C-alpha atoms as a PDB file:
ATOM      1  CA  UNK A   1     109.326  97.133  64.609  1.00  0.00           C
ATOM      2  CA  UNK A   2     106.876  98.837  62.595  1.00  0.00           C
ATOM      3  CA  UNK A   3     104.487  97.285  59.975  1.00  0.00           C
ATOM      4  CA  UNK A   4     104.885  99.576  56.538  1.00  0.00           C
ATOM      5  CA  UNK A   5     102.125  98.433  55.311  1.00  0.00           C
ATOM      6  CA  UNK A   6      99.814  99.353  57.595  1.00  0.00           C
ATOM      7  CA  UNK A   7     101.247 103.010  57.325  1.00  0.00           C
ATOM      8  CA  UNK A   8      99.751 105.532  55.077  1.00  0.00           C
ATOM      9  CA  UNK A   9     102.619 105.773  52.858  1.00  0.00           C
ATOM     10  CA  UNK A  10     103.448 105.624  49.260  1.00  0.00           C
ATOM     11  CA  UNK A  11     105.084 102.350  47.617  1.00  0.00           C
ATOM     12  CA  UNK A  12     108.500 103.010  46.178  1.00  0.00           C
ATOM     13  CA  UNK A  13     108.851 101.002  43.167  1.00  0.00           C
ATOM     14  CA  UNK A  14     107.446  97.782  45.187  1.00  0.00           C
ATOM     15  CA  UNK A  15     110.048  97.844  47.823  1.00  0.00           C
ATOM     16  CA  UNK A  16     110.326  98.733  51.010  1.00  0.00           C
ATOM     17  CA  UNK A  17     113.077 101.495  52.131  1.00  0.00           C
ATOM     18  CA  UNK A  18     115.054 100.128  55.063  1.00  0.00           C
ATOM     19  CA  UNK A  19     115.623 103.092  57.882  1.00  0.00           C
ATOM     20  CA  UNK A  20     116.769 103.461  60.921  1.00  0.00           C
ATOM     21  CA  UNK A  21     115.566 105.690  63.390  1.00  0.00           C
ATOM     22  CA  UNK A  22     117.749 106.780  66.729  1.00  0.00           C
ATOM     23  CA  UNK A  23     115.807 108.902  69.505  1.00  0.00           C
ATOM     24  CA  UNK A  24     117.425 110.494  72.725  1.00  0.00           C
ATOM     25  CA  UNK A  25     116.982 112.613  75.384  1.00  0.00           C
ATOM     26  CA  UNK A  26     119.899 114.940  75.889  1.00  0.00           C
ATOM     27  CA  UNK A  27     119.837 116.264  79.527  1.00  0.00           C
ATOM     28  CA  UNK A  28     122.378 118.444  79.360  1.00  0.00           C
ATOM     29  CA  UNK A  29     120.676 120.281  76.534  1.00  0.00           C
ATOM     30  CA  UNK A  30     117.079 119.632  77.987  1.00  0.00           C
ATOM     31  CA  UNK A  31     116.393 118.545  73.916  1.00  0.00           C
ATOM     32  CA  UNK A  32     114.887 115.072  72.146  1.00  0.00           C
ATOM     33  CA  UNK A  33     117.596 114.631  69.520  1.00  0.00           C
ATOM     34  CA  UNK A  34     116.978 112.149  66.396  1.00  0.00           C
ATOM     35  CA  UNK A  35     118.858 110.760  63.659  1.00  0.00           C
ATOM     36  CA  UNK A  36     117.361 108.380  60.679  1.00  0.00           C
ATOM     37  CA  UNK A  37     119.290 107.019  58.580  1.00  0.00           C
ATOM     38  CA  UNK A  38     118.441 105.399  55.166  1.00  0.00           C
ATOM     39  CA  UNK A  39     120.733 102.400  53.701  1.00  0.00           C
ATOM     40  CA  UNK A  40     117.963 101.243  50.960  1.00  0.00           C
ATOM     41  CA  UNK A  41     119.809 103.213  48.392  1.00  0.00           C
ATOM     42  CA  UNK A  42     123.609 102.767  47.110  1.00  0.00           C
ATOM     43  CA  UNK A  43     124.095 105.922  48.803  1.00  0.00           C
ATOM     44  CA  UNK A  44     123.784 106.161  52.551  1.00  0.00           C
ATOM     45  CA  UNK A  45     121.338 109.320  53.315  1.00  0.00           C
ATOM     46  CA  UNK A  46     121.227 110.710  57.077  1.00  0.00           C
ATOM     47  CA  UNK A  47     119.284 112.931  58.567  1.00  0.00           C
ATOM     48  CA  UNK A  48     119.135 114.383  61.896  1.00  0.00           C
ATOM     49  CA  UNK A  49     117.278 117.383  64.214  1.00  0.00           C
ATOM     50  CA  UNK A  50     116.428 117.917  67.692  1.00  0.00           C
ATOM     51  CA  UNK A  51     113.448 119.360  69.728  1.00  0.00           C
ATOM     52  CA  UNK A  52     112.398 120.288  73.227  1.00  0.00           C
ATOM     53  CA  UNK A  53     109.520 118.149  73.256  1.00  0.00           C
ATOM     54  CA  UNK A  54     109.015 114.538  72.227  1.00  0.00           C
ATOM     55  CA  UNK A  55     105.687 115.104  70.328  1.00  0.00           C
ATOM     56  CA  UNK A  56     107.487 117.693  68.191  1.00  0.00           C
ATOM     57  CA  UNK A  57     110.512 115.465  67.235  1.00  0.00           C
ATOM     58  CA  UNK A  58     108.233 112.645  66.286  1.00  0.00           C
ATOM     59  CA  UNK A  59     106.572 115.285  64.317  1.00  0.00           C
ATOM     60  CA  UNK A  60     109.917 115.850  62.417  1.00  0.00           C
ATOM     61  CA  UNK A  61     111.193 112.119  62.175  1.00  0.00           C
ATOM     62  CA  UNK A  62     107.362 111.323  60.480  1.00  0.00           C
ATOM     63  CA  UNK A  63     107.772 114.718  58.549  1.00  0.00           C
ATOM     64  CA  UNK A  64     111.277 113.823  57.487  1.00  0.00           C
ATOM     65  CA  UNK A  65     110.777 109.987  56.449  1.00  0.00           C
ATOM     66  CA  UNK A  66     107.811 111.173  53.946  1.00  0.00           C
ATOM     67  CA  UNK A  67     110.188 113.638  52.282  1.00  0.00           C
ATOM     68  CA  UNK A  68     112.956 111.202  51.977  1.00  0.00           C
ATOM     69  CA  UNK A  69     110.457 108.590  50.728  1.00  0.00           C
ATOM     70  CA  UNK A  70     108.620 111.008  47.944  1.00  0.00           C
ATOM     71  CA  UNK A  71     112.395 111.885  46.773  1.00  0.00           C
ATOM     72  CA  UNK A  72     113.457 108.331  46.848  1.00  0.00           C
ATOM     73  CA  UNK A  73     110.417 107.974  44.314  1.00  0.00           C
ATOM     74  CA  UNK A  74     111.256 110.604  42.007  1.00  0.00           C
ATOM     75  CA  UNK A  75     114.452 109.315  41.185  1.00  0.00           C
END
């Protein structure tokens, strides 16, 4: 489990956002696929993506987490 306090992310109303990340490799498509679910808001939000390279998929996940944190901070 990641410790969000050790990451360089903005604090959101002094609460940590609970997000679940699923990451898997699809051999048939030769792609790394991922889903990101944020159930900390009243409405569950889910994002997904795919990339041929693991590093690119992980960067997509990181960028999406940062974007979701920024959006929830502005609400």
